[in-house]
């Protein structure tokens, strides 16, 4: 636990975080996370954050050392897609029991690693610490080291038990595991002047595949994506990239910052959501690569691609302009989407009446103010009751949020669209933006809303009059 406490403290003292730079030394030691209350771990603990950050690495075995419920809670809660191996979709857990709690679960963990290697022979195994096994003192780092030496396979400890903090802290602890045990351990077959890393992109619903064809056309090679549709070997040789883009709003900023320090890989934070942000990201990628020695023609080629794609996008937006102009949107999400989706929707004429910033950084909030003005309605933590009232009073025409908020919108009989990690549609890039607009239009103009808003038959005033005394004939009244 001493090593874990030291690692958590190191993650808290993040030099590349603007909010952290403004704190005193005492405040930095306190960290930037609140301890979770009992019962609040579902979907928000450090273990969950570590698992969802690394599970998109598709060809490794992800072994959860703990009760089976921990694996059940975290398995496949992001719709990350794979173009190759499907091993990441197999749930592995040591499934410890009461006897393991009394006598320790290290032997069970070692046997589980051996069984996975015998049956699946993956290039590596990631072992995740959980609350129970951390509290009983299981040393997963020692077990992983012994198993690596015995079986000749990388067995990577991910020491992020849920009780140490929030999901965002778990993301960073997962990044530390990659930095300590994976990145820099292998070499690519060849290098080009156009090699980049994309950090914090998880290929949700295949979003990376919306962007990759444009990068291919530019001549840019994604050397490694951390961690969407990634292979273990790609992450291991990611230290040879020429530049990097950080996508997910500081969730893995420690990876980007330390790779810049160790391997001189410059990075920038960008977004693939929205036309302006997508174009700016492509320009930034080209500029960083040219600064690192790529030919200048890359810049001109990038501008030609951007001009073509933007013209094509606006042509496809013509049928939606009048239908969506002035539509009021309530955005309940966080992180990079709290501002990038704002920009995307504003570009096609919609109005943002509020955006949540519960999981957003100071930089995110500043970008929201730049987009929406100083009077931007930024919501720290909106209760379901407040959401319901806002939708019921028609202050918003549609709510974009995660699946856990959909029932509030449905109860208010208002359109809702899934914008979070469980979604089934890719909204990144130019094609993704077209899809987002289409889905919003489909949700808004679905005929079901007209039907569900009609009064119920038993609430019809005409029927109430008919049911009043003396309104029916004597024969009907007698029958009634």
Protein backbone atom coordinates (compact mmCIF):
# COMPACT_ATOMS: atom_id res chain seq x y z
CA UNK A 1 0.00 0.00 0.00
CA UNK A 2 2.94 2.34 0.59
CA UNK A 3 3.94 2.07 -3.07
CA UNK A 4 0.34 2.72 -4.13
CA UNK A 5 0.05 5.78 -1.87
CA UNK A 6 3.27 7.13 -3.33
CA UNK A 7 2.01 6.57 -6.88
CA UNK A 8 -1.32 8.28 -6.11
CA UNK A 9 0.53 11.26 -4.66
CA UNK A 10 2.72 11.43 -7.76
CA UNK A 11 -0.33 11.41 -10.02
CA UNK A 12 -1.91 14.23 -7.99
CA UNK A 13 1.17 16.41 -8.45
CA UNK A 14 0.72 16.67 -12.23
CA UNK A 15 2.82 19.53 -13.68
CA UNK A 16 0.89 19.62 -16.98
CA UNK A 17 -2.46 20.21 -15.23
CA UNK A 18 -3.36 23.91 -15.22
CA UNK A 19 -5.59 23.55 -12.14
CA UNK A 20 -2.79 21.80 -10.26
CA UNK A 21 -0.29 24.55 -11.11
CA UNK A 22 -2.50 27.13 -9.37
CA UNK A 23 -2.57 25.20 -6.07
CA UNK A 24 -0.28 25.61 -3.09
CA UNK A 25 2.02 22.75 -2.17
CA UNK A 26 -0.31 21.82 0.71
CA UNK A 27 -3.35 21.72 -1.57
CA UNK A 28 -1.49 19.56 -4.12
CA UNK A 29 -0.76 17.00 -1.41
CA UNK A 30 -4.49 16.75 -0.69
CA UNK A 31 -5.03 15.74 -4.30
CA UNK A 32 -7.93 16.46 -6.60
CA UNK A 33 -10.29 13.62 -5.80
CA UNK A 34 -12.86 12.94 -3.13
CA UNK A 35 -12.94 9.62 -1.32
CA UNK A 36 -15.91 7.60 -2.48
CA UNK A 37 -18.82 6.98 -0.16
CA UNK A 38 -19.93 3.36 0.38
CA UNK A 39 -22.23 2.37 -2.46
CA UNK A 40 -20.90 5.04 -4.81
CA UNK A 41 -18.32 2.82 -6.52
CA UNK A 42 -20.57 1.64 -9.38
CA UNK A 43 -19.37 3.36 -12.52
CA UNK A 44 -17.10 5.77 -10.68
CA UNK A 45 -14.25 4.13 -8.74
CA UNK A 46 -10.54 4.01 -9.54
CA UNK A 47 -10.66 0.34 -10.52
CA UNK A 48 -13.45 1.07 -13.00
CA UNK A 49 -11.45 3.96 -14.46
CA UNK A 50 -8.34 1.81 -14.87
CA UNK A 51 -10.28 -1.05 -16.47
CA UNK A 52 -12.11 1.08 -19.04
CA UNK A 53 -8.87 2.89 -19.93
CA UNK A 54 -6.97 -0.32 -20.70
CA UNK A 55 -9.62 -2.80 -21.83
CA UNK A 56 -9.64 -1.43 -25.42
CA UNK A 57 -6.17 -3.01 -25.80
CA UNK A 58 -7.67 -5.87 -27.71
CA UNK A 59 -5.19 -8.76 -27.76
CA UNK A 60 -4.28 -8.98 -24.07
CA UNK A 61 -6.09 -10.84 -21.28
CA UNK A 62 -7.61 -8.51 -18.68
CA UNK A 63 -7.65 -10.42 -15.36
CA UNK A 64 -9.54 -8.91 -12.42
CA UNK A 65 -8.19 -10.09 -9.08
CA UNK A 66 -11.19 -9.86 -6.81
CA UNK A 67 -14.83 -10.92 -6.38
CA UNK A 68 -16.68 -11.79 -9.55
CA UNK A 69 -18.97 -8.77 -9.12
CA UNK A 70 -16.05 -6.42 -9.86
CA UNK A 71 -15.56 -8.01 -13.26
CA UNK A 72 -19.29 -8.06 -13.90
CA UNK A 73 -19.57 -4.35 -13.12
CA UNK A 74 -16.68 -3.29 -15.34
CA UNK A 75 -16.90 -5.69 -18.28
CA UNK A 76 -17.70 -4.10 -21.64
CA UNK A 77 -19.17 -0.91 -20.21
CA UNK A 78 -17.61 0.96 -23.10
CA UNK A 79 -18.51 0.01 -26.66
CA UNK A 80 -14.87 -0.08 -27.77
CA UNK A 81 -14.50 -1.83 -31.15
CA UNK A 82 -11.69 -4.03 -32.45
CA UNK A 83 -10.45 -4.61 -35.99
CA UNK A 84 -8.68 -7.81 -34.96
CA UNK A 85 -8.44 -9.82 -31.75
CA UNK A 86 -11.56 -10.33 -29.64
CA UNK A 87 -9.75 -11.53 -26.51
CA UNK A 88 -10.47 -8.26 -24.71
CA UNK A 89 -14.18 -9.20 -24.77
CA UNK A 90 -13.53 -12.29 -22.62
CA UNK A 91 -13.99 -11.63 -18.92
CA UNK A 92 -11.29 -13.09 -16.66
CA UNK A 93 -11.50 -12.99 -12.86
CA UNK A 94 -9.92 -14.87 -9.98
CA UNK A 95 -13.36 -14.92 -8.31
CA UNK A 96 -11.98 -14.96 -4.78
CA UNK A 97 -14.12 -16.43 -1.99
CA UNK A 98 -14.30 -16.25 1.80
CA UNK A 99 -11.37 -18.64 2.27
CA UNK A 100 -9.20 -16.46 0.02
CA UNK A 101 -10.09 -13.46 2.15
CA UNK A 102 -8.87 -15.34 5.24
CA UNK A 103 -5.79 -17.06 3.78
CA UNK A 104 -4.89 -14.69 0.93
CA UNK A 105 -5.55 -14.89 -2.80
CA UNK A 106 -2.02 -14.74 -4.24
CA UNK A 107 -1.81 -18.46 -5.06
CA UNK A 108 -5.19 -18.29 -6.79
CA UNK A 109 -3.97 -15.31 -8.83
CA UNK A 110 -0.80 -17.16 -9.89
CA UNK A 111 -2.81 -20.22 -10.95
CA UNK A 112 -5.23 -17.99 -12.90
CA UNK A 113 -2.36 -16.41 -14.83
CA UNK A 114 -1.02 -19.87 -15.68
CA UNK A 115 -4.44 -21.06 -16.84
CA UNK A 116 -4.88 -18.05 -19.13
CA UNK A 117 -1.44 -18.58 -20.70
CA UNK A 118 -2.11 -22.29 -21.21
CA UNK A 119 -5.52 -21.75 -22.82
CA UNK A 120 -5.17 -18.44 -24.70
CA UNK A 121 -1.43 -17.64 -24.96
CA UNK A 122 -1.92 -13.84 -25.12
CA UNK A 123 1.04 -11.50 -25.72
CA UNK A 124 0.47 -10.10 -22.20
CA UNK A 125 -1.84 -10.23 -19.19
CA UNK A 126 -3.07 -7.16 -17.30
CA UNK A 127 -3.90 -7.90 -13.65
CA UNK A 128 -6.24 -5.46 -11.87
CA UNK A 129 -6.20 -4.96 -8.11
CA UNK A 130 -9.61 -4.47 -6.44
CA UNK A 131 -10.75 -3.21 -3.05
CA UNK A 132 -11.05 -6.60 -1.35
CA UNK A 133 -7.69 -7.98 -2.44
CA UNK A 134 -5.94 -4.70 -1.62
CA UNK A 135 -7.47 -4.66 1.87
CA UNK A 136 -6.36 -8.24 2.63
CA UNK A 137 -2.85 -7.34 1.48
CA UNK A 138 -2.38 -9.37 -1.71
CA UNK A 139 0.83 -8.18 -3.41
CA UNK A 140 -0.14 -8.36 -7.08
CA UNK A 141 3.12 -6.73 -8.16
CA UNK A 142 5.17 -9.55 -6.63
CA UNK A 143 2.90 -12.21 -8.14
CA UNK A 144 3.03 -10.56 -11.58
CA UNK A 145 6.83 -10.34 -11.43
CA UNK A 146 7.15 -14.01 -10.46
CA UNK A 147 4.69 -15.08 -13.18
CA UNK A 148 6.51 -13.02 -15.83
CA UNK A 149 9.81 -14.69 -14.98
CA UNK A 150 8.27 -18.16 -14.86
CA UNK A 151 6.19 -18.03 -18.06
CA UNK A 152 8.23 -15.58 -20.16
CA UNK A 153 5.22 -13.31 -20.72
CA UNK A 154 4.61 -9.73 -19.61
CA UNK A 155 2.18 -9.83 -16.67
CA UNK A 156 1.35 -6.22 -15.89
CA UNK A 157 0.06 -5.18 -12.43
CA UNK A 158 -2.57 -2.41 -12.51
CA UNK A 159 -2.69 -1.29 -8.91
CA UNK A 160 -5.86 0.81 -8.76
CA UNK A 161 -8.26 -0.53 -6.10
CA UNK A 162 -11.58 1.26 -6.15
CA UNK A 163 -11.36 2.87 -2.72
CA UNK A 164 -8.35 5.07 -3.55
CA UNK A 165 -10.46 7.54 -5.53
CA UNK A 166 -12.48 8.41 -8.59
CA UNK A 167 -12.64 7.07 -12.11
CA UNK A 168 -10.38 9.86 -13.40
CA UNK A 169 -7.68 8.87 -10.90
CA UNK A 170 -8.05 5.28 -12.12
CA UNK A 171 -7.47 6.44 -15.71
CA UNK A 172 -4.19 8.01 -14.62
CA UNK A 173 -3.10 5.00 -12.56
CA UNK A 174 -3.70 2.85 -15.64
CA UNK A 175 -1.48 5.23 -17.57
CA UNK A 176 1.21 4.85 -14.91
CA UNK A 177 1.06 1.06 -15.33
CA UNK A 178 1.71 1.48 -19.06
CA UNK A 179 4.57 3.90 -18.44
CA UNK A 180 6.20 1.65 -15.82
CA UNK A 181 5.80 -1.73 -17.51
CA UNK A 182 4.84 -1.45 -21.20
CA UNK A 183 5.85 1.69 -23.10
CA UNK A 184 9.42 1.48 -24.37
CA UNK A 185 9.78 -2.29 -24.05
CA UNK A 186 9.62 -3.13 -27.79
CA UNK A 187 10.67 -1.61 -31.11
CA UNK A 188 8.62 -1.14 -34.33
CA UNK A 189 9.61 -2.88 -37.56
CA UNK A 190 10.17 0.47 -39.29
CA UNK A 191 9.67 4.20 -38.71
CA UNK A 192 8.43 7.10 -40.85
CA UNK A 193 8.49 10.89 -40.40
CA UNK A 194 4.69 10.76 -40.14
CA UNK A 195 4.26 8.54 -37.04
CA UNK A 196 1.91 9.80 -34.31
CA UNK A 197 0.33 8.56 -31.09
CA UNK A 198 -3.30 9.25 -30.23
CA UNK A 199 -3.73 9.23 -26.44
CA UNK A 200 -7.08 8.95 -24.65
CA UNK A 201 -9.06 7.73 -27.68
CA UNK A 202 -10.99 4.51 -26.97
CA UNK A 203 -12.58 3.79 -30.38
CA UNK A 204 -16.08 3.95 -28.93
CA UNK A 205 -18.56 2.65 -31.51
CA UNK A 206 -15.63 2.64 -33.96
CA UNK A 207 -14.95 6.41 -33.81
CA UNK A 208 -11.24 6.00 -34.51
CA UNK A 209 -12.20 4.48 -37.86
CA UNK A 210 -14.01 7.73 -38.76
CA UNK A 211 -10.71 9.58 -38.44
CA UNK A 212 -8.11 7.06 -39.62
CA UNK A 213 -8.96 7.25 -43.37
CA UNK A 214 -8.32 11.01 -43.33
CA UNK A 215 -4.98 10.53 -41.57
CA UNK A 216 -4.10 7.81 -44.10
CA UNK A 217 -4.88 10.23 -46.92
CA UNK A 218 -2.69 12.86 -45.29
CA UNK A 219 0.11 10.27 -45.18
CA UNK A 220 0.08 10.14 -41.37
CA UNK A 221 0.51 6.78 -39.64
CA UNK A 222 -1.06 6.07 -36.24
CA UNK A 223 1.89 4.33 -34.65
CA UNK A 224 -0.11 3.67 -31.50
CA UNK A 225 -3.55 4.53 -30.16
CA UNK A 226 -3.74 4.43 -26.40
CA UNK A 227 -5.88 2.56 -26.11
CA UNK A 228 -8.62 2.23 -28.74
CA UNK A 229 -8.26 -0.80 -31.07
CA UNK A 230 -4.70 -1.14 -29.76
CA UNK A 231 -2.43 -4.16 -29.76
CA UNK A 232 0.00 -4.74 -26.91
CA UNK A 233 3.02 -4.46 -29.17
CA UNK A 234 1.81 -1.12 -30.58
CA UNK A 235 1.61 0.37 -27.09
CA UNK A 236 5.02 -1.10 -26.25
CA UNK A 237 6.73 0.72 -29.14
CA UNK A 238 4.69 3.94 -28.93
CA UNK A 239 7.77 5.77 -27.61
CA UNK A 240 9.08 6.00 -31.19
CA UNK A 241 6.34 8.37 -32.42
CA UNK A 242 7.21 11.83 -33.68
CA UNK A 243 4.18 13.62 -32.18
CA UNK A 244 1.06 12.92 -30.15
CA UNK A 245 -2.52 14.11 -29.80
CA UNK A 246 -4.31 13.88 -26.46
CA UNK A 247 -8.05 13.43 -26.95
CA UNK A 248 -9.74 12.67 -23.64
CA UNK A 249 -9.54 15.88 -21.64
CA UNK A 250 -6.62 15.21 -19.34
CA UNK A 251 -7.63 11.64 -18.40
CA UNK A 252 -4.22 10.39 -19.57
CA UNK A 253 -2.26 13.63 -19.46
CA UNK A 254 0.41 11.89 -17.38
CA UNK A 255 1.20 9.60 -20.34
CA UNK A 256 1.43 12.52 -22.78
CA UNK A 257 3.54 14.63 -20.43
CA UNK A 258 5.97 11.87 -19.40
CA UNK A 259 6.44 10.68 -22.98
CA UNK A 260 7.32 14.25 -23.93
CA UNK A 261 9.87 14.38 -21.10
CA UNK A 262 11.36 10.92 -21.68
CA UNK A 263 11.19 10.60 -25.46
CA UNK A 264 10.78 14.21 -26.71
CA UNK A 265 7.35 13.55 -28.24
CA UNK A 266 5.45 16.89 -28.40
CA UNK A 267 1.70 16.72 -27.85
CA UNK A 268 -1.40 18.91 -28.03
CA UNK A 269 -4.95 18.48 -26.73
CA UNK A 270 -7.58 18.33 -29.45
CA UNK A 271 -11.00 16.99 -30.29
CA UNK A 272 -12.48 14.96 -33.13
CA UNK A 273 -16.02 16.23 -32.38
CA UNK A 274 -17.36 19.04 -34.56
CA UNK A 275 -16.19 20.45 -37.86
CA UNK A 276 -13.97 23.26 -36.59
CA UNK A 277 -12.32 21.12 -33.92
CA UNK A 278 -11.77 18.24 -36.34
CA UNK A 279 -10.13 20.54 -38.89
CA UNK A 280 -8.00 22.22 -36.23
CA UNK A 281 -6.82 18.83 -34.96
CA UNK A 282 -5.73 17.73 -38.43
CA UNK A 283 -3.83 21.02 -38.85
CA UNK A 284 -2.16 20.61 -35.46
CA UNK A 285 -1.07 17.07 -36.26
CA UNK A 286 0.43 18.22 -39.57
CA UNK A 287 2.17 21.19 -37.93
CA UNK A 288 3.76 19.10 -35.16
CA UNK A 289 5.03 16.55 -37.67
CA UNK A 290 6.50 19.26 -39.92
CA UNK A 291 8.19 20.80 -36.88
CA UNK A 292 9.72 17.36 -36.20
CA UNK A 293 11.12 17.02 -39.72
CA UNK A 294 8.26 15.90 -42.01
CA UNK A 295 8.15 17.59 -45.48
CA UNK A 296 6.30 20.93 -45.68
CA UNK A 297 3.96 19.56 -48.35
CA UNK A 298 2.07 17.80 -45.56
CA UNK A 299 0.52 21.15 -44.57
CA UNK A 300 -0.80 21.88 -48.06
CA UNK A 301 -2.12 18.34 -48.46
CA UNK A 302 -3.92 18.63 -45.12
CA UNK A 303 -5.58 21.93 -46.11
CA UNK A 304 -6.88 20.39 -49.36
CA UNK A 305 -8.44 17.49 -47.45
CA UNK A 306 -10.00 19.86 -44.90
CA UNK A 307 -11.48 22.12 -47.59
CA UNK A 308 -13.00 19.14 -49.41
CA UNK A 309 -14.46 17.54 -46.29
CA UNK A 310 -15.91 20.79 -44.91
CA UNK A 311 -17.58 21.62 -48.24
CA UNK A 312 -19.02 18.11 -48.41
CA UNK A 313 -20.29 18.34 -44.85
CA UNK A 314 -22.14 21.65 -45.32
CA UNK A 315 -23.69 20.35 -48.51
CA UNK A 316 -25.07 17.38 -46.58
CA UNK A 317 -26.34 19.70 -43.83
CA UNK A 318 -28.69 21.64 -46.14
CA UNK A 319 -31.77 19.45 -45.47
CA UNK A 320 -31.33 19.90 -41.69
CA UNK A 321 -30.74 23.67 -41.43
CA UNK A 322 -34.36 24.76 -41.13
CA UNK A 323 -35.43 21.70 -39.12
CA UNK A 324 -32.78 22.15 -36.40
CA UNK A 325 -32.26 25.92 -36.30
CA UNK A 326 -32.86 27.25 -32.79
CA UNK A 327 -33.37 23.82 -31.23
CA UNK A 328 -32.50 24.04 -27.52
CA UNK A 329 -30.19 21.30 -26.23
CA UNK A 330 -29.43 20.25 -22.65
CA UNK A 331 -26.04 18.48 -22.55
CA UNK A 332 -25.38 16.23 -19.54
CA UNK A 333 -21.93 14.73 -20.06
CA UNK A 334 -18.40 15.68 -19.04
CA UNK A 335 -14.74 15.93 -19.93
CA UNK A 336 -13.88 16.75 -23.51
CA UNK A 337 -17.51 16.41 -24.66
CA UNK A 338 -18.62 19.23 -22.33
CA UNK A 339 -17.12 21.73 -24.81
CA UNK A 340 -16.41 19.85 -28.03
CA UNK A 341 -20.03 18.78 -28.53
CA UNK A 342 -21.12 22.33 -27.67
CA UNK A 343 -19.04 23.64 -30.57
CA UNK A 344 -20.33 20.91 -32.87
CA UNK A 345 -24.00 21.63 -32.20
CA UNK A 346 -23.60 25.41 -32.37
CA UNK A 347 -22.08 25.07 -35.81
CA UNK A 348 -25.31 23.63 -37.20
CA UNK A 349 -27.52 26.28 -35.58
CA UNK A 350 -28.62 24.66 -32.32
CA UNK A 351 -28.67 26.46 -28.97
CA UNK A 352 -27.07 24.99 -25.83
CA UNK A 353 -29.14 25.89 -22.76
CA UNK A 354 -26.84 24.08 -20.35
CA UNK A 355 -23.81 21.77 -20.26
CA UNK A 356 -22.57 19.74 -17.31
CA UNK A 357 -19.01 20.26 -16.10
CA UNK A 358 -18.88 17.76 -13.24
CA UNK A 359 -15.92 15.88 -14.80
CA UNK A 360 -14.44 18.84 -16.68
CA UNK A 361 -11.13 20.59 -16.04
CA UNK A 362 -10.55 24.33 -15.72
CA UNK A 363 -9.38 24.34 -19.34
CA UNK A 364 -12.64 22.66 -20.39
CA UNK A 365 -14.67 25.31 -18.55
CA UNK A 366 -12.66 28.10 -20.14
CA UNK A 367 -13.37 26.68 -23.60
CA UNK A 368 -17.09 26.53 -22.77
CA UNK A 369 -17.02 30.23 -21.84
CA UNK A 370 -15.25 31.04 -25.10
CA UNK A 371 -17.97 29.19 -27.03
CA UNK A 372 -21.05 30.23 -25.06
CA UNK A 373 -19.96 33.55 -23.55
CA UNK A 374 -19.31 34.52 -19.93
CA UNK A 375 -22.96 33.81 -19.04
CA UNK A 376 -22.62 30.16 -20.09
CA UNK A 377 -24.94 27.89 -18.13
CA UNK A 378 -22.42 25.40 -16.73
CA UNK A 379 -23.95 22.76 -14.47
CA UNK A 380 -21.77 21.27 -11.74
CA UNK A 381 -24.17 18.57 -10.57
CA UNK A 382 -27.78 18.61 -11.76
CA UNK A 383 -30.22 16.40 -9.87
CA UNK A 384 -32.76 14.27 -11.75
CA UNK A 385 -35.52 16.50 -10.35
CA UNK A 386 -33.87 19.60 -11.86
CA UNK A 387 -33.38 17.83 -15.20
CA UNK A 388 -37.02 16.80 -15.23
CA UNK A 389 -38.25 20.33 -14.48
CA UNK A 390 -36.03 21.85 -17.16
CA UNK A 391 -37.33 19.43 -19.78
CA UNK A 392 -40.96 19.51 -18.60
CA UNK A 393 -41.01 23.31 -18.73
CA UNK A 394 -39.71 23.18 -22.32
CA UNK A 395 -36.51 25.03 -21.45
CA UNK A 396 -34.82 22.39 -23.66
CA UNK A 397 -36.13 20.52 -26.69
CA UNK A 398 -33.82 17.51 -26.34
CA UNK A 399 -31.36 16.11 -23.81
CA UNK A 400 -28.02 14.56 -24.79
CA UNK A 401 -26.58 12.46 -21.98
CA UNK A 402 -25.54 9.01 -20.83
CA UNK A 403 -27.86 6.07 -20.45
CA UNK A 404 -28.41 6.62 -16.72
CA UNK A 405 -30.23 9.92 -17.41
CA UNK A 406 -32.46 8.71 -20.20
CA UNK A 407 -35.36 7.81 -17.91
CA UNK A 408 -35.62 11.42 -16.73
CA UNK A 409 -36.16 12.57 -20.32
CA UNK A 410 -38.57 9.73 -21.07
CA UNK A 411 -40.61 10.54 -17.96
CA UNK A 412 -40.80 14.16 -19.12
CA UNK A 413 -41.91 12.86 -22.56
CA UNK A 414 -39.00 14.65 -24.22
CA UNK A 415 -36.50 13.40 -26.85
CA UNK A 416 -33.20 11.99 -25.61
CA UNK A 417 -30.01 10.86 -27.35
CA UNK A 418 -27.14 8.80 -25.93
CA UNK A 419 -23.89 10.77 -26.23
CA UNK A 420 -21.77 8.86 -23.71
CA UNK A 421 -19.62 5.76 -23.79
CA UNK A 422 -22.43 3.21 -24.16
CA UNK A 423 -23.65 4.63 -27.48
CA UNK A 424 -23.87 2.58 -30.65
CA UNK A 425 -23.17 5.35 -33.18
CA UNK A 426 -19.79 6.97 -33.94
CA UNK A 427 -19.91 10.78 -33.75
CA UNK A 428 -16.25 11.64 -34.39
CA UNK A 429 -14.91 13.30 -37.52
CA UNK A 430 -16.87 14.79 -40.40
CA UNK A 431 -18.86 11.62 -41.04
CA UNK A 432 -19.58 11.27 -37.33
CA UNK A 433 -20.92 14.82 -37.16
CA UNK A 434 -23.34 14.06 -40.00
CA UNK A 435 -24.49 11.00 -38.06
CA UNK A 436 -24.95 13.03 -34.86
CA UNK A 437 -27.13 15.58 -36.64
CA UNK A 438 -29.17 12.81 -38.28
CA UNK A 439 -29.74 11.09 -34.94
CA UNK A 440 -30.80 14.35 -33.25
CA UNK A 441 -33.22 15.05 -36.11
CA UNK A 442 -34.61 11.50 -35.93
CA UNK A 443 -35.13 11.77 -32.18
CA UNK A 444 -36.75 15.21 -32.31
CA UNK A 445 -39.17 14.38 -35.10
CA UNK A 446 -40.08 10.86 -34.04
CA UNK A 447 -43.90 10.60 -34.19
CA UNK A 448 -43.93 8.81 -30.84
CA UNK A 449 -43.62 12.14 -28.99
CA UNK A 450 -46.90 13.44 -30.44
CA UNK A 451 -48.60 10.24 -29.36
CA UNK A 452 -47.27 10.05 -25.79
CA UNK A 453 -48.11 13.72 -25.14
CA UNK A 454 -51.79 13.26 -25.94
CA UNK A 455 -54.10 13.11 -22.91
CA UNK A 456 -54.90 9.61 -21.75
CA UNK A 457 -58.44 8.51 -22.62
CA UNK A 458 -59.43 8.64 -18.96
CA UNK A 459 -58.18 12.26 -18.75
CA UNK A 460 -60.36 13.39 -21.69
CA UNK A 461 -62.72 16.23 -20.55
CA UNK A 462 -65.43 15.02 -22.97
CA UNK A 463 -65.54 11.64 -21.23
CA UNK A 464 -65.79 13.35 -17.84
CA UNK A 465 -68.91 15.23 -19.03
CA UNK A 466 -70.37 12.03 -20.43
CA UNK A 467 -69.80 10.33 -17.09
CA UNK A 468 -71.55 13.09 -15.08
CA UNK A 469 -74.92 12.18 -13.42
CA UNK A 470 -77.85 12.65 -15.80
CA UNK A 471 -75.66 12.67 -18.90
CA UNK A 472 -76.61 9.11 -19.84
CA UNK A 473 -80.00 7.64 -20.70
CA UNK A 474 -81.83 5.85 -17.86
CA UNK A 475 -81.15 2.49 -19.51
CA UNK A 476 -77.40 3.16 -19.81
CA UNK A 477 -77.26 4.53 -16.26
CA UNK A 478 -78.96 1.39 -15.00
CA UNK A 479 -76.47 -0.73 -16.92
CA UNK A 480 -73.61 1.31 -15.52
